[in-house]
PDB file of all heavy atoms in Angstrom:
ATOM      1  N   ALA A   1     -16.202  17.293  -7.301  1.00  0.00           N
ATOM      2  CA  ALA A   1     -15.548  18.211  -6.370  1.00  0.00           C
ATOM      3  C   ALA A   1     -16.441  19.434  -6.155  1.00  0.00           C
ATOM      4  O   ALA A   1     -17.032  19.960  -7.100  1.00  0.00           O
ATOM      5  CB  ALA A   1     -14.194  18.636  -6.912  1.00  0.00           C
ATOM      6  N   GLY A   2     -16.528  19.844  -4.884  1.00  0.00           N
ATOM      7  CA  GLY A   2     -17.396  20.960  -4.530  1.00  0.00           C
ATOM      8  C   GLY A   2     -18.784  20.535  -4.110  1.00  0.00           C
ATOM      9  O   GLY A   2     -19.551  21.339  -3.580  1.00  0.00           O
ATOM     10  N   GLY A   3     -19.109  19.272  -4.342  1.00  0.00           N
ATOM     11  CA  GLY A   3     -20.426  18.762  -3.996  1.00  0.00           C
ATOM     12  C   GLY A   3     -20.540  18.345  -2.540  1.00  0.00           C
ATOM     13  O   GLY A   3     -19.615  18.543  -1.743  1.00  0.00           O
ATOM     14  N   SER A   4     -21.691  17.770  -2.210  1.00  0.00           N
ATOM     15  CA  SER A   4     -21.981  17.386  -0.836  1.00  0.00           C
ATOM     16  C   SER A   4     -22.514  15.960  -0.775  1.00  0.00           C
ATOM     17  O   SER A   4     -23.124  15.468  -1.733  1.00  0.00           O
ATOM     18  CB  SER A   4     -23.034  18.323  -0.234  1.00  0.00           C
ATOM     19  OG  SER A   4     -22.581  19.651  -0.186  1.00  0.00           O
ATOM     20  N   LEU A   5     -22.276  15.327   0.351  1.00  0.00           N
ATOM     21  CA  LEU A   5     -22.859  14.026   0.668  1.00  0.00           C
ATOM     22  C   LEU A   5     -23.177  14.011   2.150  1.00  0.00           C
ATOM     23  O   LEU A   5     -22.516  14.694   2.942  1.00  0.00           O
ATOM     24  CB  LEU A   5     -21.900  12.887   0.366  1.00  0.00           C
ATOM     25  CG  LEU A   5     -21.711  12.441  -1.085  1.00  0.00           C
ATOM     26  CD1 LEU A   5     -20.604  11.390  -1.169  1.00  0.00           C
ATOM     27  CD2 LEU A   5     -23.003  11.906  -1.673  1.00  0.00           C
ATOM     28  N   ARG A   6     -24.164  13.195   2.512  1.00  0.00           N
ATOM     29  CA  ARG A   6     -24.481  12.998   3.927  1.00  0.00           C
ATOM     30  C   ARG A   6     -24.428  11.511   4.222  1.00  0.00           C
ATOM     31  O   ARG A   6     -25.180  10.722   3.656  1.00  0.00           O
ATOM     32  CB  ARG A   6     -25.866  13.541   4.256  1.00  0.00           C
ATOM     33  CG  ARG A   6     -26.182  13.513   5.755  1.00  0.00           C
ATOM     34  CD  ARG A   6     -27.620  13.865   6.012  1.00  0.00           C
ATOM     35  NE  ARG A   6     -27.887  14.126   7.421  1.00  0.00           N
ATOM     36  CZ  ARG A   6     -28.993  13.759   8.062  1.00  0.00           C
ATOM     37  NH1 ARG A   6     -29.920  13.093   7.403  1.00  0.00           N
ATOM     38  NH2 ARG A   6     -29.162  14.052   9.325  1.00  0.00           N
ATOM     39  N   LEU A   7     -23.521  11.154   5.126  1.00  0.00           N
ATOM     40  CA  LEU A   7     -23.411   9.774   5.563  1.00  0.00           C
ATOM     41  C   LEU A   7     -24.245   9.553   6.812  1.00  0.00           C
ATOM     42  O   LEU A   7     -24.351  10.436   7.658  1.00  0.00           O
ATOM     43  CB  LEU A   7     -21.961   9.413   5.857  1.00  0.00           C
ATOM     44  CG  LEU A   7     -20.941   9.646   4.749  1.00  0.00           C
ATOM     45  CD1 LEU A   7     -19.570   9.161   5.185  1.00  0.00           C
ATOM     46  CD2 LEU A   7     -21.375   8.968   3.462  1.00  0.00           C
ATOM     47  N   SER A   8     -24.819   8.369   6.907  1.00  0.00           N
ATOM     48  CA  SER A   8     -25.586   7.983   8.088  1.00  0.00           C
ATOM     49  C   SER A   8     -25.046   6.662   8.616  1.00  0.00           C
ATOM     50  O   SER A   8     -24.550   5.831   7.855  1.00  0.00           O
ATOM     51  CB  SER A   8     -27.067   7.814   7.744  1.00  0.00           C
ATOM     52  OG  SER A   8     -27.629   9.010   7.263  1.00  0.00           O
ATOM     53  N   CYS A   9     -25.170   6.482   9.910  1.00  0.00           N
ATOM     54  CA  CYS A   9     -24.764   5.225  10.540  1.00  0.00           C
ATOM     55  C   CYS A   9     -25.811   4.850  11.570  1.00  0.00           C
ATOM     56  O   CYS A   9     -26.101   5.626  12.484  1.00  0.00           O
ATOM     57  CB  CYS A   9     -23.401   5.370  11.197  1.00  0.00           C
ATOM     58  SG  CYS A   9     -22.896   3.938  12.177  1.00  0.00           S
ATOM     59  N   ALA A  10     -26.357   3.655  11.398  1.00  0.00           N
ATOM     60  CA  ALA A  10     -27.353   3.142  12.335  1.00  0.00           C
ATOM     61  C   ALA A  10     -26.696   2.119  13.253  1.00  0.00           C
ATOM     62  O   ALA A  10     -26.082   1.164  12.775  1.00  0.00           O
ATOM     63  CB  ALA A  10     -28.501   2.504  11.576  1.00  0.00           C
ATOM     64  N   ALA A  11     -26.833   2.342  14.540  1.00  0.00           N
ATOM     65  CA  ALA A  11     -26.277   1.424  15.534  1.00  0.00           C
ATOM     66  C   ALA A  11     -27.392   0.604  16.171  1.00  0.00           C
ATOM     67  O   ALA A  11     -28.427   1.153  16.543  1.00  0.00           O
ATOM     68  CB  ALA A  11     -25.524   2.199  16.607  1.00  0.00           C
ATOM     69  N   SER A  12     -27.183  -0.679  16.280  1.00  0.00           N
ATOM     70  CA  SER A  12     -28.146  -1.554  16.955  1.00  0.00           C
ATOM     71  C   SER A  12     -27.420  -2.379  18.013  1.00  0.00           C
ATOM     72  O   SER A  12     -26.203  -2.549  17.958  1.00  0.00           O
ATOM     73  CB  SER A  12     -28.828  -2.477  15.954  1.00  0.00           C
ATOM     74  OG  SER A  12     -27.882  -3.292  15.300  1.00  0.00           O
ATOM     75  N   GLY A  13     -28.194  -2.847  18.991  1.00  0.00           N
ATOM     76  CA  GLY A  13     -27.610  -3.648  20.047  1.00  0.00           C
ATOM     77  C   GLY A  13     -26.816  -2.849  21.060  1.00  0.00           C
ATOM     78  O   GLY A  13     -26.049  -3.414  21.838  1.00  0.00           O
ATOM     79  N   VAL A  14     -27.009  -1.548  21.098  1.00  0.00           N
ATOM     80  CA  VAL A  14     -26.252  -0.689  22.015  1.00  0.00           C
ATOM     81  C   VAL A  14     -26.855  -0.780  23.410  1.00  0.00           C
ATOM     82  O   VAL A  14     -28.034  -0.499  23.595  1.00  0.00           O
ATOM     83  CB  VAL A  14     -26.252   0.768  21.528  1.00  0.00           C
ATOM     84  CG1 VAL A  14     -25.494   1.647  22.522  1.00  0.00           C
ATOM     85  CG2 VAL A  14     -25.629   0.871  20.153  1.00  0.00           C
ATOM     86  N   THR A  15     -26.035  -1.158  24.375  1.00  0.00           N
ATOM     87  CA  THR A  15     -26.526  -1.262  25.748  1.00  0.00           C
ATOM     88  C   THR A  15     -25.876  -0.233  26.664  1.00  0.00           C
ATOM     89  O   THR A  15     -26.423   0.105  27.705  1.00  0.00           O
ATOM     90  CB  THR A  15     -26.262  -2.665  26.316  1.00  0.00           C
ATOM     91  OG1 THR A  15     -24.854  -2.936  26.255  1.00  0.00           O
ATOM     92  CG2 THR A  15     -27.005  -3.718  25.501  1.00  0.00           C
ATOM     93  N   ARG A  16     -24.710   0.247  26.285  1.00  0.00           N
ATOM     94  CA  ARG A  16     -24.027   1.257  27.098  1.00  0.00           C
ATOM     95  C   ARG A  16     -24.362   2.635  26.536  1.00  0.00           C
ATOM     96  O   ARG A  16     -23.918   2.995  25.444  1.00  0.00           O
ATOM     97  CB  ARG A  16     -22.518   1.011  27.098  1.00  0.00           C
ATOM     98  CG  ARG A  16     -22.153  -0.241  27.859  1.00  0.00           C
ATOM     99  CD  ARG A  16     -20.645  -0.427  27.951  1.00  0.00           C
ATOM    100  NE  ARG A  16     -20.336  -1.581  28.785  1.00  0.00           N
ATOM    101  CZ  ARG A  16     -20.109  -1.494  30.071  1.00  0.00           C
ATOM    102  NH1 ARG A  16     -20.133  -0.327  30.671  1.00  0.00           N
ATOM    103  NH2 ARG A  16     -19.837  -2.578  30.770  1.00  0.00           N
ATOM    104  N   ARG A  17     -25.134   3.388  27.298  1.00  0.00           N
ATOM    105  CA  ARG A  17     -25.649   4.663  26.800  1.00  0.00           C
ATOM    106  C   ARG A  17     -24.547   5.684  26.596  1.00  0.00           C
ATOM    107  O   ARG A  17     -24.560   6.435  25.631  1.00  0.00           O
ATOM    108  CB  ARG A  17     -26.699   5.190  27.779  1.00  0.00           C
ATOM    109  CG  ARG A  17     -27.391   6.466  27.359  1.00  0.00           C
ATOM    110  CD  ARG A  17     -28.531   6.792  28.314  1.00  0.00           C
ATOM    111  NE  ARG A  17     -28.052   7.002  29.670  1.00  0.00           N
ATOM    112  CZ  ARG A  17     -27.696   8.184  30.135  1.00  0.00           C
ATOM    113  NH1 ARG A  17     -27.731   9.240  29.363  1.00  0.00           N
ATOM    114  NH2 ARG A  17     -27.276   8.317  31.386  1.00  0.00           N
ATOM    115  N   LEU A  18     -23.579   5.731  27.507  1.00  0.00           N
ATOM    116  CA  LEU A  18     -22.526   6.738  27.417  1.00  0.00           C
ATOM    117  C   LEU A  18     -21.434   6.241  26.477  1.00  0.00           C
ATOM    118  O   LEU A  18     -20.502   5.558  26.885  1.00  0.00           O
ATOM    119  CB  LEU A  18     -21.967   7.027  28.814  1.00  0.00           C
ATOM    120  CG  LEU A  18     -22.974   7.626  29.793  1.00  0.00           C
ATOM    121  CD1 LEU A  18     -22.326   7.861  31.150  1.00  0.00           C
ATOM    122  CD2 LEU A  18     -23.544   8.933  29.247  1.00  0.00           C
ATOM    123  N   ASN A  19     -21.582   6.573  25.222  1.00  0.00           N
ATOM    124  CA  ASN A  19     -20.605   6.130  24.240  1.00  0.00           C
ATOM    125  C   ASN A  19     -20.241   7.293  23.329  1.00  0.00           C
ATOM    126  O   ASN A  19     -20.985   8.258  23.193  1.00  0.00           O
ATOM    127  CB  ASN A  19     -21.169   4.964  23.417  1.00  0.00           C
ATOM    128  CG  ASN A  19     -22.497   5.300  22.782  1.00  0.00           C
ATOM    129  OD1 ASN A  19     -22.569   6.083  21.832  1.00  0.00           O
ATOM    130  ND2 ASN A  19     -23.575   4.694  23.280  1.00  0.00           N
ATOM    131  N   ASN A  20     -19.090   7.174  22.737  1.00  0.00           N
ATOM    132  CA  ASN A  20     -18.660   8.132  21.727  1.00  0.00           C
ATOM    133  C   ASN A  20     -18.840   7.500  20.355  1.00  0.00           C
ATOM    134  O   ASN A  20     -18.587   6.299  20.181  1.00  0.00           O
ATOM    135  CB  ASN A  20     -17.191   8.505  21.932  1.00  0.00           C
ATOM    136  CG  ASN A  20     -16.955   9.203  23.249  1.00  0.00           C
ATOM    137  OD1 ASN A  20     -17.822   9.901  23.754  1.00  0.00           O
ATOM    138  ND2 ASN A  20     -15.772   9.009  23.809  1.00  0.00           N
ATOM    139  N   MET A  21     -19.252   8.302  19.409  1.00  0.00           N
ATOM    140  CA  MET A  21     -19.396   7.823  18.037  1.00  0.00           C
ATOM    141  C   MET A  21     -18.610   8.712  17.101  1.00  0.00           C
ATOM    142  O   MET A  21     -18.248   9.845  17.460  1.00  0.00           O
ATOM    143  CB  MET A  21     -20.865   7.771  17.624  1.00  0.00           C
ATOM    144  CG  MET A  21     -21.708   6.838  18.457  1.00  0.00           C
ATOM    145  SD  MET A  21     -23.384   6.607  17.824  1.00  0.00           S
ATOM    146  CE  MET A  21     -23.062   5.530  16.423  1.00  0.00           C
ATOM    147  N   GLY A  22     -18.325   8.208  15.931  1.00  0.00           N
ATOM    148  CA  GLY A  22     -17.568   9.026  15.009  1.00  0.00           C
ATOM    149  C   GLY A  22     -17.365   8.376  13.664  1.00  0.00           C
ATOM    150  O   GLY A  22     -17.889   7.287  13.404  1.00  0.00           O
ATOM    151  N   TRP A  23     -16.592   9.077  12.864  1.00  0.00           N
ATOM    152  CA  TRP A  23     -16.300   8.636  11.504  1.00  0.00           C
ATOM    153  C   TRP A  23     -14.790   8.631  11.284  1.00  0.00           C
ATOM    154  O   TRP A  23     -14.097   9.592  11.652  1.00  0.00           O
ATOM    155  CB  TRP A  23     -16.956   9.572  10.494  1.00  0.00           C
ATOM    156  CG  TRP A  23     -18.441   9.512  10.519  1.00  0.00           C
ATOM    157  CD1 TRP A  23     -19.290  10.286  11.265  1.00  0.00           C
ATOM    158  CD2 TRP A  23     -19.275   8.609   9.787  1.00  0.00           C
ATOM    159  NE1 TRP A  23     -20.592   9.924  11.039  1.00  0.00           N
ATOM    160  CE2 TRP A  23     -20.606   8.892  10.128  1.00  0.00           C
ATOM    161  CE3 TRP A  23     -19.025   7.586   8.862  1.00  0.00           C
ATOM    162  CZ2 TRP A  23     -21.697   8.200   9.580  1.00  0.00           C
ATOM    163  CZ3 TRP A  23     -20.088   6.897   8.323  1.00  0.00           C
ATOM    164  CH2 TRP A  23     -21.407   7.201   8.678  1.00  0.00           C
ATOM    165  N   TYR A  24     -14.328   7.561  10.699  1.00  0.00           N
ATOM    166  CA  TYR A  24     -12.949   7.436  10.269  1.00  0.00           C
ATOM    167  C   TYR A  24     -12.961   7.199   8.758  1.00  0.00           C
ATOM    168  O   TYR A  24     -13.988   6.838   8.187  1.00  0.00           O
ATOM    169  CB  TYR A  24     -12.264   6.254  10.958  1.00  0.00           C
ATOM    170  CG  TYR A  24     -11.934   6.483  12.404  1.00  0.00           C
ATOM    171  CD1 TYR A  24     -12.930   6.573  13.370  1.00  0.00           C
ATOM    172  CD2 TYR A  24     -10.612   6.601  12.822  1.00  0.00           C
ATOM    173  CE1 TYR A  24     -12.620   6.787  14.706  1.00  0.00           C
ATOM    174  CE2 TYR A  24     -10.284   6.808  14.156  1.00  0.00           C
ATOM    175  CZ  TYR A  24     -11.297   6.894  15.093  1.00  0.00           C
ATOM    176  OH  TYR A  24     -10.987   7.093  16.406  1.00  0.00           O
ATOM    177  N   ARG A  25     -11.804   7.387   8.140  1.00  0.00           N
ATOM    178  CA  ARG A  25     -11.696   7.086   6.713  1.00  0.00           C
ATOM    179  C   ARG A  25     -10.338   6.482   6.403  1.00  0.00           C
ATOM    180  O   ARG A  25      -9.375   6.714   7.115  1.00  0.00           O
ATOM    181  CB  ARG A  25     -11.936   8.326   5.861  1.00  0.00           C
ATOM    182  CG  ARG A  25     -10.870   9.398   5.969  1.00  0.00           C
ATOM    183  CD  ARG A  25     -11.294  10.637   5.189  1.00  0.00           C
ATOM    184  NE  ARG A  25     -10.289  11.688   5.263  1.00  0.00           N
ATOM    185  CZ  ARG A  25     -10.468  12.924   4.800  1.00  0.00           C
ATOM    186  NH1 ARG A  25     -11.631  13.254   4.231  1.00  0.00           N
ATOM    187  NH2 ARG A  25      -9.519  13.825   4.889  1.00  0.00           N
ATOM    188  N   GLN A  26     -10.332   5.705   5.334  1.00  0.00           N
ATOM    189  CA  GLN A  26      -9.088   5.092   4.889  1.00  0.00           C
ATOM    190  C   GLN A  26      -9.029   5.165   3.378  1.00  0.00           C
ATOM    191  O   GLN A  26      -9.878   4.595   2.678  1.00  0.00           O
ATOM    192  CB  GLN A  26      -8.992   3.644   5.358  1.00  0.00           C
ATOM    193  CG  GLN A  26      -7.647   3.013   5.079  1.00  0.00           C
ATOM    194  CD  GLN A  26      -7.447   1.714   5.835  1.00  0.00           C
ATOM    195  OE1 GLN A  26      -8.397   1.092   6.310  1.00  0.00           O
ATOM    196  NE2 GLN A  26      -6.207   1.301   5.959  1.00  0.00           N
ATOM    197  N   ALA A  27      -8.020   5.862   2.897  1.00  0.00           N
ATOM    198  CA  ALA A  27      -7.767   5.969   1.456  1.00  0.00           C
ATOM    199  C   ALA A  27      -6.789   4.872   1.048  1.00  0.00           C
ATOM    200  O   ALA A  27      -6.033   4.359   1.884  1.00  0.00           O
ATOM    201  CB  ALA A  27      -7.203   7.337   1.128  1.00  0.00           C
ATOM    202  N   PRO A  28      -6.769   4.500  -0.216  1.00  0.00           N
ATOM    203  CA  PRO A  28      -5.857   3.448  -0.670  1.00  0.00           C
ATOM    204  C   PRO A  28      -4.413   3.776  -0.326  1.00  0.00           C
ATOM    205  O   PRO A  28      -3.934   4.888  -0.580  1.00  0.00           O
ATOM    206  CB  PRO A  28      -6.074   3.433  -2.182  1.00  0.00           C
ATOM    207  CG  PRO A  28      -7.456   3.940  -2.368  1.00  0.00           C
ATOM    208  CD  PRO A  28      -7.648   4.976  -1.302  1.00  0.00           C
ATOM    209  N   GLY A  29      -3.735   2.825   0.292  1.00  0.00           N
ATOM    210  CA  GLY A  29      -2.342   2.998   0.640  1.00  0.00           C
ATOM    211  C   GLY A  29      -2.078   3.860   1.855  1.00  0.00           C
ATOM    212  O   GLY A  29      -0.916   4.140   2.174  1.00  0.00           O
ATOM    213  N   LYS A  30      -3.142   4.262   2.535  1.00  0.00           N
ATOM    214  CA  LYS A  30      -2.969   5.118   3.716  1.00  0.00           C
ATOM    215  C   LYS A  30      -3.586   4.458   4.936  1.00  0.00           C
ATOM    216  O   LYS A  30      -4.407   3.550   4.838  1.00  0.00           O
ATOM    217  CB  LYS A  30      -3.611   6.484   3.469  1.00  0.00           C
ATOM    218  CG  LYS A  30      -2.940   7.293   2.372  1.00  0.00           C
ATOM    219  CD  LYS A  30      -3.505   8.692   2.312  1.00  0.00           C
ATOM    220  CE  LYS A  30      -2.791   9.539   1.270  1.00  0.00           C
ATOM    221  NZ  LYS A  30      -3.311  10.929   1.224  1.00  0.00           N
TER     222      LYS A  30
END
């Protein structure tokens, strides 16, 4: 707790330039 992390996501095969990207999360039972 109090620490930091950096997540990365590499996308391949993208043909539609105008796209939205983002991050979602799912905790157990939620």
